[in-house]
Structures are given as C-alpha cells and as structure tokens.
PDB file of N, CA and C in Angstrom:
ATOM      1  N   MET A   1       2.179 -16.703   2.853  1.00  0.00           N
ATOM      2  CA  MET A   1       1.978 -15.254   2.625  1.00  0.00           C
ATOM      3  C   MET A   1       3.223 -14.652   1.868  1.00  0.00           C
ATOM      4  N   ALA A   2       3.501 -14.871   0.749  1.00  0.00           N
ATOM      5  CA  ALA A   2       4.578 -14.573  -0.077  1.00  0.00           C
ATOM      6  C   ALA A   2       4.036 -13.429  -0.638  1.00  0.00           C
ATOM      7  N   GLY A   3       4.988 -12.175  -1.083  1.00  0.00           N
ATOM      8  CA  GLY A   3       4.559 -11.098  -1.380  1.00  0.00           C
ATOM      9  C   GLY A   3       3.888 -10.098  -0.352  1.00  0.00           C
ATOM     10  N   ILE A   4       4.011 -10.416   0.685  1.00  0.00           N
ATOM     11  CA  ILE A   4       3.585  -9.397   1.931  1.00  0.00           C
ATOM     12  C   ILE A   4       4.919  -8.941   2.404  1.00  0.00           C
ATOM     13  N   LYS A   5       5.038  -7.572   2.474  1.00  0.00           N
ATOM     14  CA  LYS A   5       6.091  -7.009   2.918  1.00  0.00           C
ATOM     15  C   LYS A   5       6.404  -6.673   4.566  1.00  0.00           C
ATOM     16  N   ASN A   6       7.508  -7.002   5.239  1.00  0.00           N
ATOM     17  CA  ASN A   6       7.546  -6.663   6.636  1.00  0.00           C
ATOM     18  C   ASN A   6       7.110  -7.800   7.584  1.00  0.00           C
ATOM     19  N   ILE A   7       7.013  -9.057   6.801  1.00  0.00           N
ATOM     20  CA  ILE A   7       6.675 -10.004   8.062  1.00  0.00           C
ATOM     21  C   ILE A   7       7.774 -11.152   7.761  1.00  0.00           C
ATOM     22  N   GLU A   8       8.770 -10.857   7.201  1.00  0.00           N
ATOM     23  CA  GLU A   8       9.944 -11.754   7.119  1.00  0.00           C
ATOM     24  C   GLU A   8      10.367 -12.261   8.525  1.00  0.00           C
ATOM     25  N   GLY A   9      10.431 -13.552   8.652  1.00  0.00           N
ATOM     26  CA  GLY A   9      10.843 -14.081  10.007  1.00  0.00           C
ATOM     27  C   GLY A   9       9.608 -14.159  11.145  1.00  0.00           C
ATOM     28  N   MET A  10       8.466 -13.777  10.710  1.00  0.00           N
ATOM     29  CA  MET A  10       7.471 -13.747  11.810  1.00  0.00           C
ATOM     30  C   MET A  10       6.706 -14.906  11.494  1.00  0.00           C
ATOM     31  N   SER A  11       6.291 -15.572  12.661  1.00  0.00           N
ATOM     32  CA  SER A  11       5.645 -16.622  12.712  1.00  0.00           C
ATOM     33  C   SER A  11       4.054 -16.413  12.403  1.00  0.00           C
ATOM     34  N   VAL A  12       3.151 -17.047  11.887  1.00  0.00           N
ATOM     35  CA  VAL A  12       1.648 -16.769  12.257  1.00  0.00           C
ATOM     36  C   VAL A  12       1.222 -16.383  13.563  1.00  0.00           C
ATOM     37  N   GLU A  13       1.614 -16.907  14.502  1.00  0.00           N
ATOM     38  CA  GLU A  13       1.226 -16.513  16.044  1.00  0.00           C
ATOM     39  C   GLU A  13       1.571 -15.188  16.228  1.00  0.00           C
ATOM     40  N   GLU A  14       2.674 -14.719  15.835  1.00  0.00           N
ATOM     41  CA  GLU A  14       3.460 -13.441  16.101  1.00  0.00           C
ATOM     42  C   GLU A  14       2.670 -12.447  15.216  1.00  0.00           C
ATOM     43  N   ILE A  15       2.197 -12.694  13.999  1.00  0.00           N
ATOM     44  CA  ILE A  15       1.400 -11.765  13.119  1.00  0.00           C
ATOM     45  C   ILE A  15      -0.069 -11.570  13.677  1.00  0.00           C
ATOM     46  N   ASN A  16      -0.626 -12.897  14.186  1.00  0.00           N
ATOM     47  CA  ASN A  16      -1.843 -12.621  14.722  1.00  0.00           C
ATOM     48  C   ASN A  16      -1.858 -11.729  16.040  1.00  0.00           C
ATOM     49  N   ARG A  17      -0.953 -12.009  16.722  1.00  0.00           N
ATOM     50  CA  ARG A  17      -0.708 -11.110  18.150  1.00  0.00           C
ATOM     51  C   ARG A  17      -0.510  -9.783  17.722  1.00  0.00           C
ATOM     52  N   GLU A  18       0.194  -9.460  16.724  1.00  0.00           N
ATOM     53  CA  GLU A  18       0.205  -8.027  16.126  1.00  0.00           C
ATOM     54  C   GLU A  18      -1.047  -7.439  15.833  1.00  0.00           C
ATOM     55  N   LEU A  19      -2.064  -8.266  14.964  1.00  0.00           N
ATOM     56  CA  LEU A  19      -2.896  -8.131  14.490  1.00  0.00           C
ATOM     57  C   LEU A  19      -3.738  -7.577  15.882  1.00  0.00           C
ATOM     58  N   GLU A  20      -3.987  -8.479  16.813  1.00  0.00           N
ATOM     59  CA  GLU A  20      -4.754  -8.271  18.023  1.00  0.00           C
ATOM     60  C   GLU A  20      -4.312  -6.801  18.460  1.00  0.00           C
ATOM     61  N   ARG A  21      -3.234  -6.382  18.463  1.00  0.00           N
ATOM     62  CA  ARG A  21      -2.665  -5.068  18.913  1.00  0.00           C
ATOM     63  C   ARG A  21      -3.114  -3.982  18.050  1.00  0.00           C
ATOM     64  N   GLY A  22      -3.411  -4.334  17.020  1.00  0.00           N
ATOM     65  CA  GLY A  22      -3.745  -2.958  16.243  1.00  0.00           C
ATOM     66  C   GLY A  22      -2.901  -3.004  14.709  1.00  0.00           C
ATOM     67  N   ALA A  23      -2.203  -3.855  14.520  1.00  0.00           N
ATOM     68  CA  ALA A  23      -1.349  -4.019  13.261  1.00  0.00           C
ATOM     69  C   ALA A  23      -2.014  -4.149  12.097  1.00  0.00           C
ATOM     70  N   LYS A  24      -1.997  -3.655  10.937  1.00  0.00           N
ATOM     71  CA  LYS A  24      -2.767  -3.929   9.834  1.00  0.00           C
ATOM     72  C   LYS A  24      -1.864  -3.990   8.592  1.00  0.00           C
ATOM     73  N   PHE A  25      -2.663  -4.563   7.415  1.00  0.00           N
ATOM     74  CA  PHE A  25      -2.072  -4.692   6.188  1.00  0.00           C
ATOM     75  C   PHE A  25      -2.473  -3.563   5.200  1.00  0.00           C
ATOM     76  N   VAL A  26      -1.515  -3.018   4.480  1.00  0.00           N
ATOM     77  CA  VAL A  26      -2.018  -1.926   3.754  1.00  0.00           C
ATOM     78  C   VAL A  26      -1.406  -1.925   2.431  1.00  0.00           C
ATOM     79  N   MET A  27      -2.108  -1.293   1.342  1.00  0.00           N
ATOM     80  CA  MET A  27      -1.369  -1.011   0.149  1.00  0.00           C
ATOM     81  C   MET A  27      -1.173   0.382  -0.279  1.00  0.00           C
ATOM     82  N   PHE A  28      -0.246   0.928  -0.838  1.00  0.00           N
ATOM     83  CA  PHE A  28      -0.085   2.087  -1.347  1.00  0.00           C
ATOM     84  C   PHE A  28      -0.346   2.410  -2.713  1.00  0.00           C
ATOM     85  N   GLU A  29      -0.824   3.586  -3.310  1.00  0.00           N
ATOM     86  CA  GLU A  29      -1.093   3.745  -4.790  1.00  0.00           C
ATOM     87  C   GLU A  29       0.122   4.643  -5.217  1.00  0.00           C
ATOM     88  N   TYR A  30       0.625   4.416  -6.474  1.00  0.00           N
ATOM     89  CA  TYR A  30       1.177   4.982  -7.415  1.00  0.00           C
ATOM     90  C   TYR A  30       0.933   5.376  -8.678  1.00  0.00           C
ATOM     91  N   CYS A  31       1.345   6.427  -9.450  1.00  0.00           N
ATOM     92  CA  CYS A  31       1.018   6.790 -10.783  1.00  0.00           C
ATOM     93  C   CYS A  31       2.075   7.394 -11.709  1.00  0.00           C
ATOM     94  N   VAL A  32       2.059   6.653 -12.695  1.00  0.00           N
ATOM     95  CA  VAL A  32       2.956   7.176 -13.895  1.00  0.00           C
ATOM     96  C   VAL A  32       2.265   7.447 -15.124  1.00  0.00           C
ATOM     97  N   SER A  33       2.610   8.564 -15.815  1.00  0.00           N
ATOM     98  CA  SER A  33       2.175   9.044 -17.112  1.00  0.00           C
ATOM     99  C   SER A  33       3.166   9.296 -17.972  1.00  0.00           C
ATOM    100  N   ILE A  34       2.553   9.014 -19.275  1.00  0.00           N
ATOM    101  CA  ILE A  34       3.530   9.094 -20.356  1.00  0.00           C
ATOM    102  C   ILE A  34       2.557  10.002 -21.433  1.00  0.00           C
ATOM    103  N   LEU A  35       2.744  11.272 -21.317  1.00  0.00           N
ATOM    104  CA  LEU A  35       1.780  12.037 -22.351  1.00  0.00           C
ATOM    105  C   LEU A  35       0.370  11.558 -22.136  1.00  0.00           C
ATOM    106  N   ILE A  36      -0.236  10.677 -23.279  1.00  0.00           N
ATOM    107  CA  ILE A  36      -1.504  10.504 -23.274  1.00  0.00           C
ATOM    108  C   ILE A  36      -2.101   9.308 -22.281  1.00  0.00           C
ATOM    109  N   MET A  37      -1.158   8.451 -21.845  1.00  0.00           N
ATOM    110  CA  MET A  37      -1.203   7.407 -21.163  1.00  0.00           C
ATOM    111  C   MET A  37      -0.932   7.526 -19.610  1.00  0.00           C
ATOM    112  N   THR A  38      -1.833   7.143 -18.781  1.00  0.00           N
ATOM    113  CA  THR A  38      -1.558   7.234 -17.163  1.00  0.00           C
ATOM    114  C   THR A  38      -1.871   5.888 -16.711  1.00  0.00           C
ATOM    115  N   PHE A  39      -1.045   5.340 -15.948  1.00  0.00           N
ATOM    116  CA  PHE A  39      -1.168   4.031 -15.037  1.00  0.00           C
ATOM    117  C   PHE A  39      -1.013   4.442 -13.798  1.00  0.00           C
ATOM    118  N   LYS A  40      -2.110   3.757 -12.828  1.00  0.00           N
ATOM    119  CA  LYS A  40      -2.480   3.973 -11.635  1.00  0.00           C
ATOM    120  C   LYS A  40      -2.275   2.526 -11.100  1.00  0.00           C
ATOM    121  N   ARG A  41      -1.250   2.466 -10.174  1.00  0.00           N
ATOM    122  CA  ARG A  41      -1.253   1.064  -9.561  1.00  0.00           C
ATOM    123  C   ARG A  41      -1.228   0.825  -7.985  1.00  0.00           C
ATOM    124  N   GLY A  42      -1.209  -0.139  -7.702  1.00  0.00           N
ATOM    125  CA  GLY A  42      -1.177  -0.486  -6.179  1.00  0.00           C
ATOM    126  C   GLY A  42       0.300  -1.210  -5.724  1.00  0.00           C
ATOM    127  N   SER A  43       0.838  -0.852  -4.864  1.00  0.00           N
ATOM    128  CA  SER A  43       1.967  -1.521  -4.166  1.00  0.00           C
ATOM    129  C   SER A  43       1.644  -3.183  -3.883  1.00  0.00           C
ATOM    130  N   ASP A  44       3.055  -3.568  -3.311  1.00  0.00           N
ATOM    131  CA  ASP A  44       2.563  -4.753  -2.730  1.00  0.00           C
ATOM    132  C   ASP A  44       1.793  -4.540  -1.383  1.00  0.00           C
ATOM    133  N   VAL A  45       1.417  -5.620  -0.712  1.00  0.00           N
ATOM    134  CA  VAL A  45       0.968  -5.465   0.716  1.00  0.00           C
ATOM    135  C   VAL A  45       2.029  -5.299   1.475  1.00  0.00           C
ATOM    136  N   HIS A  46       1.848  -4.378   2.466  1.00  0.00           N
ATOM    137  CA  HIS A  46       2.902  -3.867   3.517  1.00  0.00           C
ATOM    138  C   HIS A  46       2.376  -4.380   4.991  1.00  0.00           C
ATOM    139  N   PHE A  47       2.847  -4.956   5.904  1.00  0.00           N
ATOM    140  CA  PHE A  47       2.375  -5.134   7.271  1.00  0.00           C
ATOM    141  C   PHE A  47       2.886  -4.202   8.039  1.00  0.00           C
ATOM    142  N   ILE A  48       1.942  -3.462   8.732  1.00  0.00           N
ATOM    143  CA  ILE A  48       2.255  -2.232   9.473  1.00  0.00           C
ATOM    144  C   ILE A  48       2.074  -2.756  11.126  1.00  0.00           C
ATOM    145  N   LYS A  49       2.974  -2.690  11.991  1.00  0.00           N
ATOM    146  CA  LYS A  49       2.909  -3.267  13.150  1.00  0.00           C
ATOM    147  C   LYS A  49       1.909  -1.981  14.088  1.00  0.00           C
ATOM    148  N   SER A  50       1.421  -2.486  15.219  1.00  0.00           N
ATOM    149  CA  SER A  50       0.748  -1.610  15.969  1.00  0.00           C
ATOM    150  C   SER A  50       1.529  -0.519  16.321  1.00  0.00           C
ATOM    151  N   GLY A  51       1.281   0.754  16.213  1.00  0.00           N
ATOM    152  CA  GLY A  51       2.326   2.090  16.695  1.00  0.00           C
ATOM    153  C   GLY A  51       3.210   2.311  15.722  1.00  0.00           C
ATOM    154  N   ASP A  52       3.335   1.717  14.643  1.00  0.00           N
ATOM    155  CA  ASP A  52       4.302   1.991  13.602  1.00  0.00           C
ATOM    156  C   ASP A  52       3.731   3.171  12.525  1.00  0.00           C
ATOM    157  N   SER A  53       4.552   3.964  11.906  1.00  0.00           N
ATOM    158  CA  SER A  53       4.017   4.789  10.832  1.00  0.00           C
ATOM    159  C   SER A  53       3.912   4.115   9.379  1.00  0.00           C
ATOM    160  N   THR A  54       3.200   4.644   8.557  1.00  0.00           N
ATOM    161  CA  THR A  54       3.167   4.243   7.459  1.00  0.00           C
ATOM    162  C   THR A  54       4.040   5.019   6.521  1.00  0.00           C
ATOM    163  N   ALA A  55       4.626   6.193   6.963  1.00  0.00           N
ATOM    164  CA  ALA A  55       5.356   7.099   6.407  1.00  0.00           C
ATOM    165  C   ALA A  55       6.566   6.500   5.612  1.00  0.00           C
ATOM    166  N   GLY A  56       7.257   5.255   6.069  1.00  0.00           N
ATOM    167  CA  GLY A  56       8.463   4.928   5.742  1.00  0.00           C
ATOM    168  C   GLY A  56       8.185   3.966   4.597  1.00  0.00           C
ATOM    169  N   SER A  57       7.150   3.254   4.597  1.00  0.00           N
ATOM    170  CA  SER A  57       6.786   2.188   3.682  1.00  0.00           C
ATOM    171  C   SER A  57       6.068   3.263   2.138  1.00  0.00           C
ATOM    172  N   SER A  58       5.406   4.161   2.588  1.00  0.00           N
ATOM    173  CA  SER A  58       4.761   4.916   1.436  1.00  0.00           C
ATOM    174  C   SER A  58       5.680   5.994   0.622  1.00  0.00           C
ATOM    175  N   ILE A  59       6.822   6.214   1.434  1.00  0.00           N
ATOM    176  CA  ILE A  59       7.766   7.321   0.716  1.00  0.00           C
ATOM    177  C   ILE A  59       8.071   6.881  -1.005  1.00  0.00           C
ATOM    178  N   LEU A  60       8.227   5.986  -1.055  1.00  0.00           N
ATOM    179  CA  LEU A  60       8.614   5.447  -2.465  1.00  0.00           C
ATOM    180  C   LEU A  60       7.467   5.720  -3.627  1.00  0.00           C
ATOM    181  N   TYR A  61       6.367   5.382  -3.199  1.00  0.00           N
ATOM    182  CA  TYR A  61       5.353   5.339  -3.898  1.00  0.00           C
ATOM    183  C   TYR A  61       4.899   7.023  -4.105  1.00  0.00           C
ATOM    184  N   THR A  62       4.881   7.576  -3.168  1.00  0.00           N
ATOM    185  CA  THR A  62       4.598   8.769  -3.161  1.00  0.00           C
ATOM    186  C   THR A  62       5.548   9.586  -3.973  1.00  0.00           C
ATOM    187  N   LEU A  63       6.827   9.625  -3.781  1.00  0.00           N
ATOM    188  CA  LEU A  63       7.754  10.014  -4.549  1.00  0.00           C
ATOM    189  C   LEU A  63       7.674   9.708  -6.274  1.00  0.00           C
ATOM    190  N   ILE A  64       7.498   8.412  -6.362  1.00  0.00           N
ATOM    191  CA  ILE A  64       7.080   8.061  -7.660  1.00  0.00           C
ATOM    192  C   ILE A  64       6.042   9.129  -8.390  1.00  0.00           C
ATOM    193  N   THR A  65       4.775   9.000  -7.651  1.00  0.00           N
ATOM    194  CA  THR A  65       3.689   9.747  -8.271  1.00  0.00           C
ATOM    195  C   THR A  65       4.192  11.468  -8.340  1.00  0.00           C
ATOM    196  N   LEU A  66       4.948  11.994  -7.539  1.00  0.00           N
ATOM    197  CA  LEU A  66       4.874  13.456  -7.285  1.00  0.00           C
ATOM    198  C   LEU A  66       6.007  13.617  -8.819  1.00  0.00           C
ATOM    199  N   VAL A  67       6.832  12.665  -9.132  1.00  0.00           N
ATOM    200  CA  VAL A  67       7.899  12.944 -10.381  1.00  0.00           C
ATOM    201  C   VAL A  67       7.070  12.556 -11.337  1.00  0.00           C
ATOM    202  N   PHE A  68       6.603  11.462 -11.599  1.00  0.00           N
ATOM    203  CA  PHE A  68       6.180  10.845 -12.964  1.00  0.00           C
ATOM    204  C   PHE A  68       4.519  10.926 -13.113  1.00  0.00           C
ATOM    205  N   GLY A  69       3.875  11.162 -11.954  1.00  0.00           N
ATOM    206  CA  GLY A  69       2.534  11.039 -12.164  1.00  0.00           C
ATOM    207  C   GLY A  69       1.725  12.228 -12.948  1.00  0.00           C
ATOM    208  N   TRP A  70       2.031  12.998 -12.884  1.00  0.00           N
ATOM    209  CA  TRP A  70       1.532  14.547 -13.259  1.00  0.00           C
ATOM    210  C   TRP A  70       1.175  14.566 -15.005  1.00  0.00           C
ATOM    211  N   TRP A  71       2.128  13.993 -15.639  1.00  0.00           N
ATOM    212  CA  TRP A  71       2.377  14.212 -17.202  1.00  0.00           C
ATOM    213  C   TRP A  71       1.406  13.761 -18.057  1.00  0.00           C
ATOM    214  N   GLY A  72       0.560  13.124 -17.625  1.00  0.00           N
ATOM    215  CA  GLY A  72      -0.604  12.537 -18.614  1.00  0.00           C
ATOM    216  C   GLY A  72      -1.917  13.581 -18.657  1.00  0.00           C
ATOM    217  N   PHE A  73      -2.338  13.724 -19.775  1.00  0.00           N
ATOM    218  CA  PHE A  73      -3.612  14.410 -19.836  1.00  0.00           C
ATOM    219  C   PHE A  73      -4.930  13.517 -20.225  1.00  0.00           C
ATOM    220  N   PRO A  74      -6.041  13.336 -19.678  1.00  0.00           N
ATOM    221  CA  PRO A  74      -6.225  14.325 -18.531  1.00  0.00           C
ATOM    222  C   PRO A  74      -6.297  13.354 -16.969  1.00  0.00           C
ATOM    223  N   TRP A  75      -5.874  12.174 -17.042  1.00  0.00           N
ATOM    224  CA  TRP A  75      -6.029  11.369 -16.020  1.00  0.00           C
ATOM    225  C   TRP A  75      -4.864  11.470 -14.941  1.00  0.00           C
ATOM    226  N   GLY A  76      -3.578  12.253 -15.525  1.00  0.00           N
ATOM    227  CA  GLY A  76      -2.501  12.283 -14.856  1.00  0.00           C
ATOM    228  C   GLY A  76      -2.540  13.056 -13.318  1.00  0.00           C
ATOM    229  N   PRO A  77      -2.993  14.356 -13.366  1.00  0.00           N
ATOM    230  CA  PRO A  77      -3.125  14.988 -12.176  1.00  0.00           C
ATOM    231  C   PRO A  77      -4.276  14.573 -11.144  1.00  0.00           C
ATOM    232  N   ILE A  78      -5.487  13.985 -11.841  1.00  0.00           N
ATOM    233  CA  ILE A  78      -6.415  13.094 -11.207  1.00  0.00           C
ATOM    234  C   ILE A  78      -5.821  12.248 -10.467  1.00  0.00           C
ATOM    235  N   TYR A  79      -5.389  11.228 -10.993  1.00  0.00           N
ATOM    236  CA  TYR A  79      -5.009   9.866 -10.404  1.00  0.00           C
ATOM    237  C   TYR A  79      -3.683  10.304  -9.391  1.00  0.00           C
ATOM    238  N   SER A  80      -2.804  11.143  -9.828  1.00  0.00           N
ATOM    239  CA  SER A  80      -2.155  11.650  -8.909  1.00  0.00           C
ATOM    240  C   SER A  80      -2.380  12.237  -7.570  1.00  0.00           C
ATOM    241  N   ILE A  81      -3.498  12.830  -7.588  1.00  0.00           N
ATOM    242  CA  ILE A  81      -3.988  13.434  -6.551  1.00  0.00           C
ATOM    243  C   ILE A  81      -4.610  12.526  -5.504  1.00  0.00           C
ATOM    244  N   ALA A  82      -5.301  11.530  -6.234  1.00  0.00           N
ATOM    245  CA  ALA A  82      -5.874  10.328  -5.469  1.00  0.00           C
ATOM    246  C   ALA A  82      -5.030   9.601  -4.778  1.00  0.00           C
ATOM    247  N   ALA A  83      -3.851   9.140  -5.579  1.00  0.00           N
ATOM    248  CA  ALA A  83      -2.834   8.222  -4.974  1.00  0.00           C
ATOM    249  C   ALA A  83      -2.083   8.990  -3.895  1.00  0.00           C
ATOM    250  N   LEU A  84      -1.838  10.215  -3.859  1.00  0.00           N
ATOM    251  CA  LEU A  84      -1.192  11.124  -2.930  1.00  0.00           C
ATOM    252  C   LEU A  84      -1.960  11.185  -1.488  1.00  0.00           C
ATOM    253  N   ILE A  85      -3.376  11.259  -1.930  1.00  0.00           N
ATOM    254  CA  ILE A  85      -4.270  11.270  -0.410  1.00  0.00           C
ATOM    255  C   ILE A  85      -4.331   9.917  -0.042  1.00  0.00           C
ATOM    256  N   THR A  86      -4.366   8.889  -0.715  1.00  0.00           N
ATOM    257  CA  THR A  86      -4.228   7.578  -0.316  1.00  0.00           C
ATOM    258  C   THR A  86      -3.059   7.399   0.438  1.00  0.00           C
ATOM    259  N   ASN A  87      -1.977   7.492   0.018  1.00  0.00           N
ATOM    260  CA  ASN A  87      -0.490   7.340   0.797  1.00  0.00           C
ATOM    261  C   ASN A  87      -0.267   8.319   1.878  1.00  0.00           C
ATOM    262  N   ILE A  88      -0.771   9.699   1.709  1.00  0.00           N
ATOM    263  CA  ILE A  88      -0.726  10.477   3.017  1.00  0.00           C
ATOM    264  C   ILE A  88      -1.580  10.062   4.206  1.00  0.00           C
ATOM    265  N   SER A  89      -2.753   9.580   3.884  1.00  0.00           N
ATOM    266  CA  SER A  89      -3.693   9.240   4.878  1.00  0.00           C
ATOM    267  C   SER A  89      -3.360   7.750   5.487  1.00  0.00           C
ATOM    268  N   GLY A  90      -2.302   7.030   4.994  1.00  0.00           N
ATOM    269  CA  GLY A  90      -1.944   5.872   5.675  1.00  0.00           C
ATOM    270  C   GLY A  90      -2.093   4.643   4.756  1.00  0.00           C
ATOM    271  N   GLY A  91      -2.308   4.918   3.284  1.00  0.00           N
ATOM    272  CA  GLY A  91      -2.647   3.706   2.406  1.00  0.00           C
ATOM    273  C   GLY A  91      -4.091   3.082   2.518  1.00  0.00           C
ATOM    274  N   LYS A  92      -4.281   2.259   1.690  1.00  0.00           N
ATOM    275  CA  LYS A  92      -5.420   1.439   1.806  1.00  0.00           C
ATOM    276  C   LYS A  92      -5.560   0.232   2.506  1.00  0.00           C
ATOM    277  N   ASP A  93      -6.176   0.115   3.571  1.00  0.00           N
ATOM    278  CA  ASP A  93      -6.363  -0.663   4.480  1.00  0.00           C
ATOM    279  C   ASP A  93      -6.991  -2.321   3.964  1.00  0.00           C
ATOM    280  N   VAL A  94      -6.178  -3.381   3.697  1.00  0.00           N
ATOM    281  CA  VAL A  94      -6.647  -4.189   3.290  1.00  0.00           C
ATOM    282  C   VAL A  94      -6.591  -5.461   4.070  1.00  0.00           C
ATOM    283  N   THR A  95      -6.616  -5.247   5.432  1.00  0.00           N
ATOM    284  CA  THR A  95      -6.345  -6.282   6.443  1.00  0.00           C
ATOM    285  C   THR A  95      -7.452  -7.398   6.329  1.00  0.00           C
ATOM    286  N   GLN A  96      -8.550  -7.007   6.148  1.00  0.00           N
ATOM    287  CA  GLN A  96      -9.704  -8.041   6.060  1.00  0.00           C
ATOM    288  C   GLN A  96      -9.662  -8.892   4.738  1.00  0.00           C
ATOM    289  N   GLU A  97      -9.295  -8.246   3.533  1.00  0.00           N
ATOM    290  CA  GLU A  97      -9.085  -8.937   2.533  1.00  0.00           C
ATOM    291  C   GLU A  97      -7.811 -10.335   2.486  1.00  0.00           C
ATOM    292  N   VAL A  98      -6.526  -9.829   3.111  1.00  0.00           N
ATOM    293  CA  VAL A  98      -5.517 -10.442   3.498  1.00  0.00           C
ATOM    294  C   VAL A  98      -5.751 -11.764   4.523  1.00  0.00           C
ATOM    295  N   ILE A  99      -6.790 -11.398   5.425  1.00  0.00           N
ATOM    296  CA  ILE A  99      -7.064 -12.332   6.357  1.00  0.00           C
ATOM    297  C   ILE A  99      -8.165 -13.499   5.873  1.00  0.00           C
ATOM    298  N   GLY A 100      -8.997 -12.787   4.991  1.00  0.00           N
ATOM    299  CA  GLY A 100     -10.142 -13.769   4.192  1.00  0.00           C
ATOM    300  C   GLY A 100      -9.221 -14.745   3.173  1.00  0.00           C
ATOM    301  N   SER A 101      -8.145 -14.044   2.732  1.00  0.00           N
ATOM    302  CA  SER A 101      -7.565 -15.153   1.620  1.00  0.00           C
ATOM    303  C   SER A 101      -6.484 -16.130   2.453  1.00  0.00           C
ATOM    304  N   ILE A 102      -6.052 -15.744   3.418  1.00  0.00           N
ATOM    305  CA  ILE A 102      -5.615 -16.711   4.320  1.00  0.00           C
ATOM    306  C   ILE A 102      -6.159 -17.697   4.804  1.00  0.00           C
ATOM    307  N   ASN A 103      -7.598 -17.479   5.528  1.00  0.00           N
ATOM    308  CA  ASN A 103      -8.547 -18.453   5.898  1.00  0.00           C
ATOM    309  C   ASN A 103      -9.038 -19.364   4.972  1.00  0.00           C
ATOM    310  N   ALA A 104      -9.074 -18.556   3.387  1.00  0.00           N
ATOM    311  CA  ALA A 104      -9.593 -19.657   2.395  1.00  0.00           C
ATOM    312  C   ALA A 104      -8.550 -20.635   2.200  1.00  0.00           C
ATOM    313  N   ARG A 105      -7.173 -20.449   2.377  1.00  0.00           N
ATOM    314  CA  ARG A 105      -6.264 -21.463   2.103  1.00  0.00           C
ATOM    315  C   ARG A 105      -6.373 -22.272   3.146  1.00  0.00           C
ATOM    316  N   ALA A 106      -6.827 -22.110   4.400  1.00  0.00           N
ATOM    317  CA  ALA A 106      -6.471 -22.825   5.249  1.00  0.00           C
ATOM    318  C   ALA A 106      -7.431 -24.176   5.448  1.00  0.00           C
TER     319      ALA A 106
END
C-alpha cells in the first residue's frame, strides 16, 4: 500500500479495524495556473481515521489552490472553485477504489 499517507506502521488488520469504525481513504484536489494554462491535480491518497478531521490533510492543497489556482483564463477560477469545494467538503472519498485495488492484488 505504498503511496498512501497516514498508514505508516499500521498492519492490514489495524487498517481494516479502522475502516469498520468509519475510517476512509480520500484524495484532495489542487489547482495551479500559469496565464493561459491551468492544471487541476489530485493529491496522494490519505487515510483518515474514524473521528479525525480532513482539515489538516487538506490545508496544503487548499492553500496551493488559493494562491496559484486563479490566474489562468478561463479554467483557473472554475477549477479553483471546484477544488476548494472538494477540499472543504472533506475530499474525494476513494475508499472503494483503494479496497478494490488491494483485493485485486491479493
């Protein structure tokens, strides 16, 4: 499960236990613009334990978007607003995709 943040030192059993309690895997979005070019990207996958807030994990991507996202025309403002809405609402839940990927490897 390389490339997933916040699972360092956790066993598969511990991750499964957390998932049963409501943990989830999420991705955040960020946007960077350079005049006529705008790039909207997704973060690495983050493991968010049950009861934990996504705010700490999303802040970097939200700040990148707020500072660098708006400057491209016309997609900068459009993609920036979409990324901010995704991040503020807790990120994009990709739990089912991650579990499916893990099961496909097993």
